[in-house]
């Protein structure tokens, strides 16, 4: 028993030392009075810290660009974009994956989010799940990860066991691997093809990485998915020409997009969409090229769905 307690104690000391070296875990002396600040001052302090995040993301622009190129290459080859994370990073991955479907018309399963602890972790705290390396490996196996896929691991610390194991498995499977962390020289960076390090520094509330670190993660994920989809022809200019009109708001938006892209009236846009069975790209090509709907579809098929090439 003494030996076991000693081993556990040593492991805890090692983890404490490891975490103590991470900027995201440190406490800031200049915020020691946080709990006595007036509400307006408190809001100003938080806002001032949040304002530093975009510059940190921009500084990682080269790495983010390389990640986008890797993702586009795998998606063009028939693979998937897979996000992997635990806690807040995992939840952010789920949100970004879900939003790709209505925004870019992606088919189910093209952008996948895997979160430690499963679906329950979206609404309940399952923080212990991040410590399981075995679960990280098993979850990658369960989605039949392959060499055509691109996997993005997300972890503020850069040392989350669940994420590290998932990315190590992905690398061994031949997938393109990308690691997004909020500390310099992160352990995750050493096991991926493209490391994205966005050091956001100590949090307003020490160690609460749902704050600046989480904001940076959201910005990076927005950029990875959006830039990848633009490169894949999911927009015409800055217009969402692959949007899925699944509710009344999106149906109105689809008509507006067709009208803006082609210069026709809302009524003409609605007629073109009806003729194209609601397929926005087909309606745009038919109007701009002044060709029948069937010809517009043929052109889009030949152009791999790129509107500008179809024209």
C-alpha atoms as a PDB file:
ATOM      1  CA  UNK A   1       0.000   0.000   0.000  1.00  0.00           C
ATOM      2  CA  UNK A   2       2.804   2.408   0.878  1.00  0.00           C
ATOM      3  CA  UNK A   3       4.467   1.749  -2.462  1.00  0.00           C
ATOM      4  CA  UNK A   4       1.208   2.467  -4.338  1.00  0.00           C
ATOM      5  CA  UNK A   5       0.604   5.703  -2.457  1.00  0.00           C
ATOM      6  CA  UNK A   6       4.156   6.768  -3.169  1.00  0.00           C
ATOM      7  CA  UNK A   7       3.743   6.041  -6.905  1.00  0.00           C
ATOM      8  CA  UNK A   8       0.490   7.981  -7.071  1.00  0.00           C
ATOM      9  CA  UNK A   9       2.050  10.820  -5.140  1.00  0.00           C
ATOM     10  CA  UNK A  10       4.967  10.973  -7.562  1.00  0.00           C
ATOM     11  CA  UNK A  11       2.599  10.940 -10.552  1.00  0.00           C
ATOM     12  CA  UNK A  12       0.629  13.820  -9.049  1.00  0.00           C
ATOM     13  CA  UNK A  13       3.833  15.780  -8.460  1.00  0.00           C
ATOM     14  CA  UNK A  14       4.890  15.207 -12.066  1.00  0.00           C
ATOM     15  CA  UNK A  15       1.489  16.333 -13.347  1.00  0.00           C
ATOM     16  CA  UNK A  16       1.527  19.365 -11.059  1.00  0.00           C
ATOM     17  CA  UNK A  17       4.967  20.315 -12.344  1.00  0.00           C
ATOM     18  CA  UNK A  18       3.877  19.757 -15.949  1.00  0.00           C
ATOM     19  CA  UNK A  19       0.751  21.873 -15.598  1.00  0.00           C
ATOM     20  CA  UNK A  20       2.649  24.542 -13.720  1.00  0.00           C
ATOM     21  CA  UNK A  21       4.824  25.080 -16.774  1.00  0.00           C
ATOM     22  CA  UNK A  22       1.832  25.813 -19.023  1.00  0.00           C
ATOM     23  CA  UNK A  23       0.953  29.456 -19.623  1.00  0.00           C
ATOM     24  CA  UNK A  24      -2.748  28.602 -19.784  1.00  0.00           C
ATOM     25  CA  UNK A  25      -2.611  27.327 -16.184  1.00  0.00           C
ATOM     26  CA  UNK A  26      -0.790  30.262 -14.638  1.00  0.00           C
ATOM     27  CA  UNK A  27      -2.282  32.907 -12.383  1.00  0.00           C
ATOM     28  CA  UNK A  28      -1.732  36.604 -13.043  1.00  0.00           C
ATOM     29  CA  UNK A  29      -0.684  38.762 -10.110  1.00  0.00           C
ATOM     30  CA  UNK A  30      -2.228  41.863 -11.694  1.00  0.00           C
ATOM     31  CA  UNK A  31      -5.656  40.206 -11.509  1.00  0.00           C
ATOM     32  CA  UNK A  32      -5.452  39.271  -7.829  1.00  0.00           C
ATOM     33  CA  UNK A  33      -8.155  41.854  -7.066  1.00  0.00           C
ATOM     34  CA  UNK A  34     -10.615  40.397  -9.579  1.00  0.00           C
ATOM     35  CA  UNK A  35     -13.197  39.446  -6.954  1.00  0.00           C
ATOM     36  CA  UNK A  36     -13.455  42.980  -5.546  1.00  0.00           C
ATOM     37  CA  UNK A  37     -13.784  44.862  -8.831  1.00  0.00           C
ATOM     38  CA  UNK A  38     -16.953  46.710  -9.726  1.00  0.00           C
ATOM     39  CA  UNK A  39     -19.054  45.083 -12.410  1.00  0.00           C
ATOM     40  CA  UNK A  40     -18.179  47.565 -15.169  1.00  0.00           C
ATOM     41  CA  UNK A  41     -14.465  47.323 -14.433  1.00  0.00           C
ATOM     42  CA  UNK A  42     -14.708  43.547 -14.348  1.00  0.00           C
ATOM     43  CA  UNK A  43     -16.380  43.524 -17.766  1.00  0.00           C
ATOM     44  CA  UNK A  44     -13.667  45.848 -19.118  1.00  0.00           C
ATOM     45  CA  UNK A  45     -10.890  43.569 -17.836  1.00  0.00           C
ATOM     46  CA  UNK A  46     -12.424  40.509 -19.491  1.00  0.00           C
ATOM     47  CA  UNK A  47     -13.032  42.386 -22.749  1.00  0.00           C
ATOM     48  CA  UNK A  48      -9.464  43.684 -22.793  1.00  0.00           C
ATOM     49  CA  UNK A  49      -8.126  40.141 -22.475  1.00  0.00           C
ATOM     50  CA  UNK A  50     -10.487  38.823 -25.140  1.00  0.00           C
ATOM     51  CA  UNK A  51      -9.265  41.531 -27.513  1.00  0.00           C
ATOM     52  CA  UNK A  52      -5.791  39.956 -27.545  1.00  0.00           C
ATOM     53  CA  UNK A  53      -7.023  36.692 -29.068  1.00  0.00           C
ATOM     54  CA  UNK A  54      -7.446  37.641 -32.766  1.00  0.00           C
ATOM     55  CA  UNK A  55      -3.831  38.794 -33.016  1.00  0.00           C
ATOM     56  CA  UNK A  56      -2.648  35.488 -31.523  1.00  0.00           C
ATOM     57  CA  UNK A  57      -4.713  33.581 -34.105  1.00  0.00           C
ATOM     58  CA  UNK A  58      -3.411  35.766 -36.936  1.00  0.00           C
ATOM     59  CA  UNK A  59       0.179  35.054 -35.855  1.00  0.00           C
ATOM     60  CA  UNK A  60      -0.522  31.358 -36.498  1.00  0.00           C
ATOM     61  CA  UNK A  61      -1.723  32.117 -40.032  1.00  0.00           C
ATOM     62  CA  UNK A  62       0.986  30.117 -41.817  1.00  0.00           C
ATOM     63  CA  UNK A  63       0.211  26.980 -39.827  1.00  0.00           C
ATOM     64  CA  UNK A  64      -3.534  27.437 -40.286  1.00  0.00           C
ATOM     65  CA  UNK A  65      -3.027  27.825 -44.042  1.00  0.00           C
ATOM     66  CA  UNK A  66      -1.003  24.594 -44.172  1.00  0.00           C
ATOM     67  CA  UNK A  67      -3.765  22.854 -42.230  1.00  0.00           C
ATOM     68  CA  UNK A  68      -6.411  24.068 -44.692  1.00  0.00           C
ATOM     69  CA  UNK A  69      -4.372  22.753 -47.626  1.00  0.00           C
ATOM     70  CA  UNK A  70      -4.043  19.360 -45.926  1.00  0.00           C
ATOM     71  CA  UNK A  71      -7.777  19.219 -45.196  1.00  0.00           C
ATOM     72  CA  UNK A  72      -8.753  20.190 -48.750  1.00  0.00           C
ATOM     73  CA  UNK A  73      -6.404  17.566 -50.175  1.00  0.00           C
ATOM     74  CA  UNK A  74      -8.003  14.792 -48.101  1.00  0.00           C
ATOM     75  CA  UNK A  75     -11.581  15.945 -48.745  1.00  0.00           C
ATOM     76  CA  UNK A  76     -10.939  16.064 -52.475  1.00  0.00           C
ATOM     77  CA  UNK A  77      -9.681  12.504 -52.214  1.00  0.00           C
ATOM     78  CA  UNK A  78     -12.931  11.325 -50.662  1.00  0.00           C
ATOM     79  CA  UNK A  79     -11.891  11.587 -47.028  1.00  0.00           C
ATOM     80  CA  UNK A  80     -13.419  13.303 -44.024  1.00  0.00           C
ATOM     81  CA  UNK A  81     -12.585  16.193 -41.712  1.00  0.00           C
ATOM     82  CA  UNK A  82     -12.592  14.899 -38.135  1.00  0.00           C
ATOM     83  CA  UNK A  83     -12.367  17.025 -34.989  1.00  0.00           C
ATOM     84  CA  UNK A  84     -11.224  15.417 -31.731  1.00  0.00           C
ATOM     85  CA  UNK A  85     -11.330  17.061 -28.326  1.00  0.00           C
ATOM     86  CA  UNK A  86     -12.328  16.811 -24.681  1.00  0.00           C
ATOM     87  CA  UNK A  87     -14.389  19.273 -22.651  1.00  0.00           C
ATOM     88  CA  UNK A  88     -14.712  22.735 -24.188  1.00  0.00           C
ATOM     89  CA  UNK A  89     -12.503  21.956 -27.222  1.00  0.00           C
ATOM     90  CA  UNK A  90     -14.586  18.862 -27.948  1.00  0.00           C
ATOM     91  CA  UNK A  91     -17.825  20.838 -27.699  1.00  0.00           C
ATOM     92  CA  UNK A  92     -16.486  23.502 -30.042  1.00  0.00           C
ATOM     93  CA  UNK A  93     -15.602  20.775 -32.532  1.00  0.00           C
ATOM     94  CA  UNK A  94     -19.161  19.434 -32.361  1.00  0.00           C
ATOM     95  CA  UNK A  95     -20.592  22.906 -33.007  1.00  0.00           C
ATOM     96  CA  UNK A  96     -18.359  23.561 -36.015  1.00  0.00           C
ATOM     97  CA  UNK A  97     -19.064  20.155 -37.540  1.00  0.00           C
ATOM     98  CA  UNK A  98     -22.815  20.586 -37.133  1.00  0.00           C
ATOM     99  CA  UNK A  99     -22.799  24.054 -38.693  1.00  0.00           C
ATOM    100  CA  UNK A 100     -21.084  22.837 -41.874  1.00  0.00           C
ATOM    101  CA  UNK A 101     -24.226  20.971 -42.926  1.00  0.00           C
ATOM    102  CA  UNK A 102     -26.650  23.921 -43.238  1.00  0.00           C
ATOM    103  CA  UNK A 103     -23.991  26.488 -44.182  1.00  0.00           C
ATOM    104  CA  UNK A 104     -22.142  24.574 -46.876  1.00  0.00           C
ATOM    105  CA  UNK A 105     -24.535  21.760 -47.735  1.00  0.00           C
ATOM    106  CA  UNK A 106     -22.043  19.115 -46.661  1.00  0.00           C
ATOM    107  CA  UNK A 107     -23.380  15.555 -46.537  1.00  0.00           C
ATOM    108  CA  UNK A 108     -23.772  13.868 -43.174  1.00  0.00           C
ATOM    109  CA  UNK A 109     -20.486  12.314 -42.146  1.00  0.00           C
ATOM    110  CA  UNK A 110     -18.173  14.569 -44.150  1.00  0.00           C
ATOM    111  CA  UNK A 111     -17.269  16.713 -41.133  1.00  0.00           C
ATOM    112  CA  UNK A 112     -17.248  14.622 -37.966  1.00  0.00           C
ATOM    113  CA  UNK A 113     -16.738  15.597 -34.331  1.00  0.00           C
ATOM    114  CA  UNK A 114     -15.503  13.126 -31.730  1.00  0.00           C
ATOM    115  CA  UNK A 115     -15.722  14.226 -28.091  1.00  0.00           C
ATOM    116  CA  UNK A 116     -14.342  12.443 -25.047  1.00  0.00           C
ATOM    117  CA  UNK A 117     -17.225  10.955 -23.114  1.00  0.00           C
ATOM    118  CA  UNK A 118     -19.535  10.808 -26.133  1.00  0.00           C
ATOM    119  CA  UNK A 119     -22.757  12.743 -26.766  1.00  0.00           C
ATOM    120  CA  UNK A 120     -23.441  13.068 -23.030  1.00  0.00           C
ATOM    121  CA  UNK A 121     -20.346  15.264 -22.723  1.00  0.00           C
ATOM    122  CA  UNK A 122     -22.032  18.010 -24.763  1.00  0.00           C
ATOM    123  CA  UNK A 123     -24.320  18.933 -21.892  1.00  0.00           C
ATOM    124  CA  UNK A 124     -22.813  17.295 -18.827  1.00  0.00           C
ATOM    125  CA  UNK A 125     -19.372  17.589 -17.283  1.00  0.00           C
ATOM    126  CA  UNK A 126     -17.399  14.447 -18.080  1.00  0.00           C
ATOM    127  CA  UNK A 127     -13.976  15.978 -17.530  1.00  0.00           C
ATOM    128  CA  UNK A 128     -12.457  12.691 -16.365  1.00  0.00           C
ATOM    129  CA  UNK A 129     -12.907  11.306 -19.886  1.00  0.00           C
ATOM    130  CA  UNK A 130      -9.981  13.377 -21.114  1.00  0.00           C
ATOM    131  CA  UNK A 131      -7.524  11.266 -19.116  1.00  0.00           C
ATOM    132  CA  UNK A 132      -8.271   8.056 -21.008  1.00  0.00           C
ATOM    133  CA  UNK A 133      -5.752   7.311 -23.739  1.00  0.00           C
ATOM    134  CA  UNK A 134      -7.525   4.042 -24.425  1.00  0.00           C
ATOM    135  CA  UNK A 135     -10.777   5.855 -25.140  1.00  0.00           C
ATOM    136  CA  UNK A 136      -9.008   8.148 -27.606  1.00  0.00           C
ATOM    137  CA  UNK A 137      -7.731   5.171 -29.557  1.00  0.00           C
ATOM    138  CA  UNK A 138     -11.021   3.283 -29.332  1.00  0.00           C
ATOM    139  CA  UNK A 139     -13.037   6.267 -30.550  1.00  0.00           C
ATOM    140  CA  UNK A 140     -10.829   6.591 -33.628  1.00  0.00           C
ATOM    141  CA  UNK A 141     -11.269   2.885 -34.331  1.00  0.00           C
ATOM    142  CA  UNK A 142     -15.040   3.178 -33.935  1.00  0.00           C
ATOM    143  CA  UNK A 143     -15.318   5.719 -36.766  1.00  0.00           C
ATOM    144  CA  UNK A 144     -13.162   3.549 -39.041  1.00  0.00           C
ATOM    145  CA  UNK A 145     -10.497   6.179 -39.443  1.00  0.00           C
ATOM    146  CA  UNK A 146      -8.507   5.839 -42.651  1.00  0.00           C
ATOM    147  CA  UNK A 147      -5.638   7.319 -44.624  1.00  0.00           C
ATOM    148  CA  UNK A 148      -7.980   9.590 -46.621  1.00  0.00           C
ATOM    149  CA  UNK A 149      -9.118  11.448 -43.507  1.00  0.00           C
ATOM    150  CA  UNK A 150      -7.826  14.670 -41.939  1.00  0.00           C
ATOM    151  CA  UNK A 151      -7.906  14.742 -38.131  1.00  0.00           C
ATOM    152  CA  UNK A 152      -7.757  17.927 -36.055  1.00  0.00           C
ATOM    153  CA  UNK A 153      -6.938  17.467 -32.376  1.00  0.00           C
ATOM    154  CA  UNK A 154      -7.964  20.375 -30.140  1.00  0.00           C
ATOM    155  CA  UNK A 155      -6.605  20.878 -26.632  1.00  0.00           C
ATOM    156  CA  UNK A 156      -5.763  24.059 -24.743  1.00  0.00           C
ATOM    157  CA  UNK A 157      -2.957  22.450 -22.749  1.00  0.00           C
ATOM    158  CA  UNK A 158      -1.599  20.497 -25.700  1.00  0.00           C
ATOM    159  CA  UNK A 159      -1.128  17.434 -23.477  1.00  0.00           C
ATOM    160  CA  UNK A 160      -4.628  15.956 -23.049  1.00  0.00           C
ATOM    161  CA  UNK A 161      -4.115  12.141 -23.022  1.00  0.00           C
ATOM    162  CA  UNK A 162      -7.371  11.402 -24.910  1.00  0.00           C
ATOM    163  CA  UNK A 163      -6.435  13.755 -27.764  1.00  0.00           C
ATOM    164  CA  UNK A 164      -2.789  12.679 -27.909  1.00  0.00           C
ATOM    165  CA  UNK A 165      -3.768   9.018 -28.209  1.00  0.00           C
ATOM    166  CA  UNK A 166      -6.353   9.798 -30.891  1.00  0.00           C
ATOM    167  CA  UNK A 167      -3.815  11.720 -32.965  1.00  0.00           C
ATOM    168  CA  UNK A 168      -1.129   9.074 -32.536  1.00  0.00           C
ATOM    169  CA  UNK A 169      -3.598   6.482 -33.823  1.00  0.00           C
ATOM    170  CA  UNK A 170      -4.565   8.773 -36.716  1.00  0.00           C
ATOM    171  CA  UNK A 171      -0.927   9.258 -37.654  1.00  0.00           C
ATOM    172  CA  UNK A 172      -0.293   5.512 -37.645  1.00  0.00           C
ATOM    173  CA  UNK A 173      -3.360   5.063 -39.873  1.00  0.00           C
ATOM    174  CA  UNK A 174      -1.871   7.464 -42.431  1.00  0.00           C
ATOM    175  CA  UNK A 175      -4.396  10.243 -41.915  1.00  0.00           C
ATOM    176  CA  UNK A 176      -3.359  13.898 -42.183  1.00  0.00           C
ATOM    177  CA  UNK A 177      -2.951  15.122 -38.595  1.00  0.00           C
ATOM    178  CA  UNK A 178      -3.352  18.668 -37.289  1.00  0.00           C
ATOM    179  CA  UNK A 179      -2.972  19.773 -33.679  1.00  0.00           C
ATOM    180  CA  UNK A 180      -4.434  22.974 -32.245  1.00  0.00           C
ATOM    181  CA  UNK A 181      -3.183  24.025 -28.799  1.00  0.00           C
ATOM    182  CA  UNK A 182      -2.806  27.189 -26.741  1.00  0.00           C
ATOM    183  CA  UNK A 183       0.711  26.679 -25.407  1.00  0.00           C
ATOM    184  CA  UNK A 184       4.118  26.884 -27.017  1.00  0.00           C
ATOM    185  CA  UNK A 185       6.066  23.662 -27.614  1.00  0.00           C
ATOM    186  CA  UNK A 186       2.971  21.594 -26.864  1.00  0.00           C
ATOM    187  CA  UNK A 187       3.277  17.822 -26.611  1.00  0.00           C
ATOM    188  CA  UNK A 188       0.572  17.575 -29.289  1.00  0.00           C
ATOM    189  CA  UNK A 189       2.726  19.507 -31.753  1.00  0.00           C
ATOM    190  CA  UNK A 190       5.318  16.732 -31.715  1.00  0.00           C
ATOM    191  CA  UNK A 191       2.890  14.024 -32.905  1.00  0.00           C
ATOM    192  CA  UNK A 192       1.071  15.817 -35.767  1.00  0.00           C
ATOM    193  CA  UNK A 193       1.877  16.817 -39.337  1.00  0.00           C
ATOM    194  CA  UNK A 194       0.712  20.405 -38.881  1.00  0.00           C
ATOM    195  CA  UNK A 195       0.942  21.979 -35.404  1.00  0.00           C
ATOM    196  CA  UNK A 196      -1.120  25.114 -34.801  1.00  0.00           C
ATOM    197  CA  UNK A 197      -0.007  26.807 -31.601  1.00  0.00           C
ATOM    198  CA  UNK A 198      -1.995  29.855 -30.507  1.00  0.00           C
ATOM    199  CA  UNK A 199      -0.547  30.901 -27.140  1.00  0.00           C
ATOM    200  CA  UNK A 200      -3.273  32.946 -25.470  1.00  0.00           C
ATOM    201  CA  UNK A 201      -1.526  33.234 -22.106  1.00  0.00           C
ATOM    202  CA  UNK A 202      -2.974  33.073 -18.582  1.00  0.00           C
ATOM    203  CA  UNK A 203      -6.736  33.386 -18.298  1.00  0.00           C
ATOM    204  CA  UNK A 204      -8.640  36.073 -16.386  1.00  0.00           C
ATOM    205  CA  UNK A 205      -9.807  33.285 -14.095  1.00  0.00           C
ATOM    206  CA  UNK A 206      -6.658  31.191 -13.740  1.00  0.00           C
ATOM    207  CA  UNK A 207      -6.900  27.909 -15.625  1.00  0.00           C
ATOM    208  CA  UNK A 208     -10.377  28.570 -17.060  1.00  0.00           C
ATOM    209  CA  UNK A 209      -9.437  27.762 -20.649  1.00  0.00           C
ATOM    210  CA  UNK A 210     -13.036  28.056 -21.857  1.00  0.00           C
ATOM    211  CA  UNK A 211     -12.225  31.782 -21.992  1.00  0.00           C
ATOM    212  CA  UNK A 212      -9.381  33.102 -24.192  1.00  0.00           C
ATOM    213  CA  UNK A 213      -8.173  29.655 -25.197  1.00  0.00           C
ATOM    214  CA  UNK A 214     -11.703  28.605 -26.103  1.00  0.00           C
ATOM    215  CA  UNK A 215     -12.234  31.791 -28.104  1.00  0.00           C
ATOM    216  CA  UNK A 216      -9.043  31.122 -30.044  1.00  0.00           C
ATOM    217  CA  UNK A 217     -10.119  27.544 -30.710  1.00  0.00           C
ATOM    218  CA  UNK A 218     -13.464  28.746 -32.070  1.00  0.00           C
ATOM    219  CA  UNK A 219     -11.742  31.239 -34.363  1.00  0.00           C
ATOM    220  CA  UNK A 220      -9.309  28.628 -35.667  1.00  0.00           C
ATOM    221  CA  UNK A 221     -12.062  26.064 -36.280  1.00  0.00           C
ATOM    222  CA  UNK A 222     -14.178  28.707 -38.050  1.00  0.00           C
ATOM    223  CA  UNK A 223     -11.213  29.431 -40.301  1.00  0.00           C
ATOM    224  CA  UNK A 224     -10.303  25.800 -40.976  1.00  0.00           C
ATOM    225  CA  UNK A 225     -13.811  24.791 -42.012  1.00  0.00           C
ATOM    226  CA  UNK A 226     -14.719  27.999 -43.844  1.00  0.00           C
ATOM    227  CA  UNK A 227     -11.467  28.304 -45.804  1.00  0.00           C
ATOM    228  CA  UNK A 228     -11.613  24.603 -46.689  1.00  0.00           C
ATOM    229  CA  UNK A 229     -15.182  24.857 -47.944  1.00  0.00           C
ATOM    230  CA  UNK A 230     -14.398  27.970 -49.977  1.00  0.00           C
ATOM    231  CA  UNK A 231     -11.468  26.127 -51.576  1.00  0.00           C
ATOM    232  CA  UNK A 232     -13.850  23.254 -52.367  1.00  0.00           C
ATOM    233  CA  UNK A 233     -16.227  25.511 -54.282  1.00  0.00           C
ATOM    234  CA  UNK A 234     -18.894  25.796 -51.611  1.00  0.00           C
ATOM    235  CA  UNK A 235     -19.189  29.552 -52.213  1.00  0.00           C
ATOM    236  CA  UNK A 236     -19.486  31.814 -55.252  1.00  0.00           C
ATOM    237  CA  UNK A 237     -17.592  34.900 -54.218  1.00  0.00           C
ATOM    238  CA  UNK A 238     -18.643  35.225 -50.598  1.00  0.00           C
ATOM    239  CA  UNK A 239     -22.140  33.833 -51.172  1.00  0.00           C
ATOM    240  CA  UNK A 240     -23.243  30.521 -49.608  1.00  0.00           C
ATOM    241  CA  UNK A 241     -24.352  28.834 -52.830  1.00  0.00           C
ATOM    242  CA  UNK A 242     -24.447  25.379 -51.220  1.00  0.00           C
ATOM    243  CA  UNK A 243     -26.653  26.435 -48.303  1.00  0.00           C
ATOM    244  CA  UNK A 244     -29.337  23.921 -47.351  1.00  0.00           C
ATOM    245  CA  UNK A 245     -32.697  25.714 -47.264  1.00  0.00           C
ATOM    246  CA  UNK A 246     -34.073  23.577 -44.452  1.00  0.00           C
ATOM    247  CA  UNK A 247     -36.294  26.223 -42.822  1.00  0.00           C
ATOM    248  CA  UNK A 248     -38.187  29.368 -43.846  1.00  0.00           C
ATOM    249  CA  UNK A 249     -35.323  31.715 -42.945  1.00  0.00           C
ATOM    250  CA  UNK A 250     -32.891  29.736 -45.083  1.00  0.00           C
ATOM    251  CA  UNK A 251     -35.379  29.571 -47.968  1.00  0.00           C
ATOM    252  CA  UNK A 252     -35.561  33.358 -47.934  1.00  0.00           C
ATOM    253  CA  UNK A 253     -31.772  33.530 -47.736  1.00  0.00           C
ATOM    254  CA  UNK A 254     -31.460  31.185 -50.728  1.00  0.00           C
ATOM    255  CA  UNK A 255     -33.674  33.470 -52.832  1.00  0.00           C
ATOM    256  CA  UNK A 256     -31.656  36.491 -51.767  1.00  0.00           C
ATOM    257  CA  UNK A 257     -28.389  34.755 -52.640  1.00  0.00           C
ATOM    258  CA  UNK A 258     -29.634  33.857 -56.121  1.00  0.00           C
ATOM    259  CA  UNK A 259     -30.891  37.406 -56.640  1.00  0.00           C
ATOM    260  CA  UNK A 260     -27.629  38.942 -55.459  1.00  0.00           C
ATOM    261  CA  UNK A 261     -25.457  36.572 -57.485  1.00  0.00           C
ATOM    262  CA  UNK A 262     -27.388  37.097 -60.710  1.00  0.00           C
ATOM    263  CA  UNK A 263     -29.029  40.523 -60.439  1.00  0.00           C
ATOM    264  CA  UNK A 264     -32.564  39.196 -60.965  1.00  0.00           C
ATOM    265  CA  UNK A 265     -35.628  40.026 -58.873  1.00  0.00           C
ATOM    266  CA  UNK A 266     -36.694  37.980 -55.870  1.00  0.00           C
ATOM    267  CA  UNK A 267     -39.570  36.585 -57.914  1.00  0.00           C
ATOM    268  CA  UNK A 268     -37.261  35.499 -60.731  1.00  0.00           C
ATOM    269  CA  UNK A 269     -34.882  33.984 -58.175  1.00  0.00           C
ATOM    270  CA  UNK A 270     -37.751  32.012 -56.646  1.00  0.00           C
ATOM    271  CA  UNK A 271     -38.811  30.740 -60.075  1.00  0.00           C
ATOM    272  CA  UNK A 272     -35.253  29.685 -60.911  1.00  0.00           C
ATOM    273  CA  UNK A 273     -34.929  27.831 -57.606  1.00  0.00           C
ATOM    274  CA  UNK A 274     -38.225  26.031 -58.201  1.00  0.00           C
ATOM    275  CA  UNK A 275     -37.043  25.034 -61.684  1.00  0.00           C
ATOM    276  CA  UNK A 276     -33.791  23.744 -60.146  1.00  0.00           C
ATOM    277  CA  UNK A 277     -35.635  21.770 -57.436  1.00  0.00           C
ATOM    278  CA  UNK A 278     -34.207  24.111 -54.826  1.00  0.00           C
ATOM    279  CA  UNK A 279     -30.566  23.557 -55.853  1.00  0.00           C
ATOM    280  CA  UNK A 280     -29.054  26.988 -55.473  1.00  0.00           C
ATOM    281  CA  UNK A 281     -25.931  26.478 -57.595  1.00  0.00           C
ATOM    282  CA  UNK A 282     -27.987  25.174 -60.504  1.00  0.00           C
ATOM    283  CA  UNK A 283     -30.278  28.198 -60.343  1.00  0.00           C
ATOM    284  CA  UNK A 284     -27.302  30.580 -60.347  1.00  0.00           C
ATOM    285  CA  UNK A 285     -25.562  28.919 -63.288  1.00  0.00           C
ATOM    286  CA  UNK A 286     -28.806  28.697 -65.286  1.00  0.00           C
ATOM    287  CA  UNK A 287     -29.466  32.408 -64.825  1.00  0.00           C
ATOM    288  CA  UNK A 288     -25.920  33.694 -65.335  1.00  0.00           C
ATOM    289  CA  UNK A 289     -25.162  31.463 -68.313  1.00  0.00           C
ATOM    290  CA  UNK A 290     -28.706  31.816 -69.713  1.00  0.00           C
ATOM    291  CA  UNK A 291     -28.989  28.054 -70.181  1.00  0.00           C
ATOM    292  CA  UNK A 292     -31.706  25.534 -69.290  1.00  0.00           C
ATOM    293  CA  UNK A 293     -31.638  23.908 -65.870  1.00  0.00           C
ATOM    294  CA  UNK A 294     -30.459  20.589 -67.294  1.00  0.00           C
ATOM    295  CA  UNK A 295     -27.498  22.238 -68.999  1.00  0.00           C
ATOM    296  CA  UNK A 296     -26.655  24.090 -65.787  1.00  0.00           C
ATOM    297  CA  UNK A 297     -26.554  20.773 -63.928  1.00  0.00           C
ATOM    298  CA  UNK A 298     -24.343  19.236 -66.606  1.00  0.00           C
ATOM    299  CA  UNK A 299     -21.906  22.136 -66.401  1.00  0.00           C
ATOM    300  CA  UNK A 300     -21.740  21.927 -62.613  1.00  0.00           C
ATOM    301  CA  UNK A 301     -21.093  18.179 -62.753  1.00  0.00           C
ATOM    302  CA  UNK A 302     -18.275  18.734 -65.238  1.00  0.00           C
ATOM    303  CA  UNK A 303     -16.819  21.476 -63.033  1.00  0.00           C
ATOM    304  CA  UNK A 304     -16.948  19.403 -59.815  1.00  0.00           C
ATOM    305  CA  UNK A 305     -19.515  21.790 -58.397  1.00  0.00           C
ATOM    306  CA  UNK A 306     -17.500  24.998 -58.819  1.00  0.00           C
ATOM    307  CA  UNK A 307     -19.899  27.719 -60.002  1.00  0.00           C
ATOM    308  CA  UNK A 308     -17.231  29.958 -61.463  1.00  0.00           C
ATOM    309  CA  UNK A 309     -15.755  27.094 -63.476  1.00  0.00           C
ATOM    310  CA  UNK A 310     -19.224  26.040 -64.664  1.00  0.00           C
ATOM    311  CA  UNK A 311     -19.719  29.526 -66.061  1.00  0.00           C
END
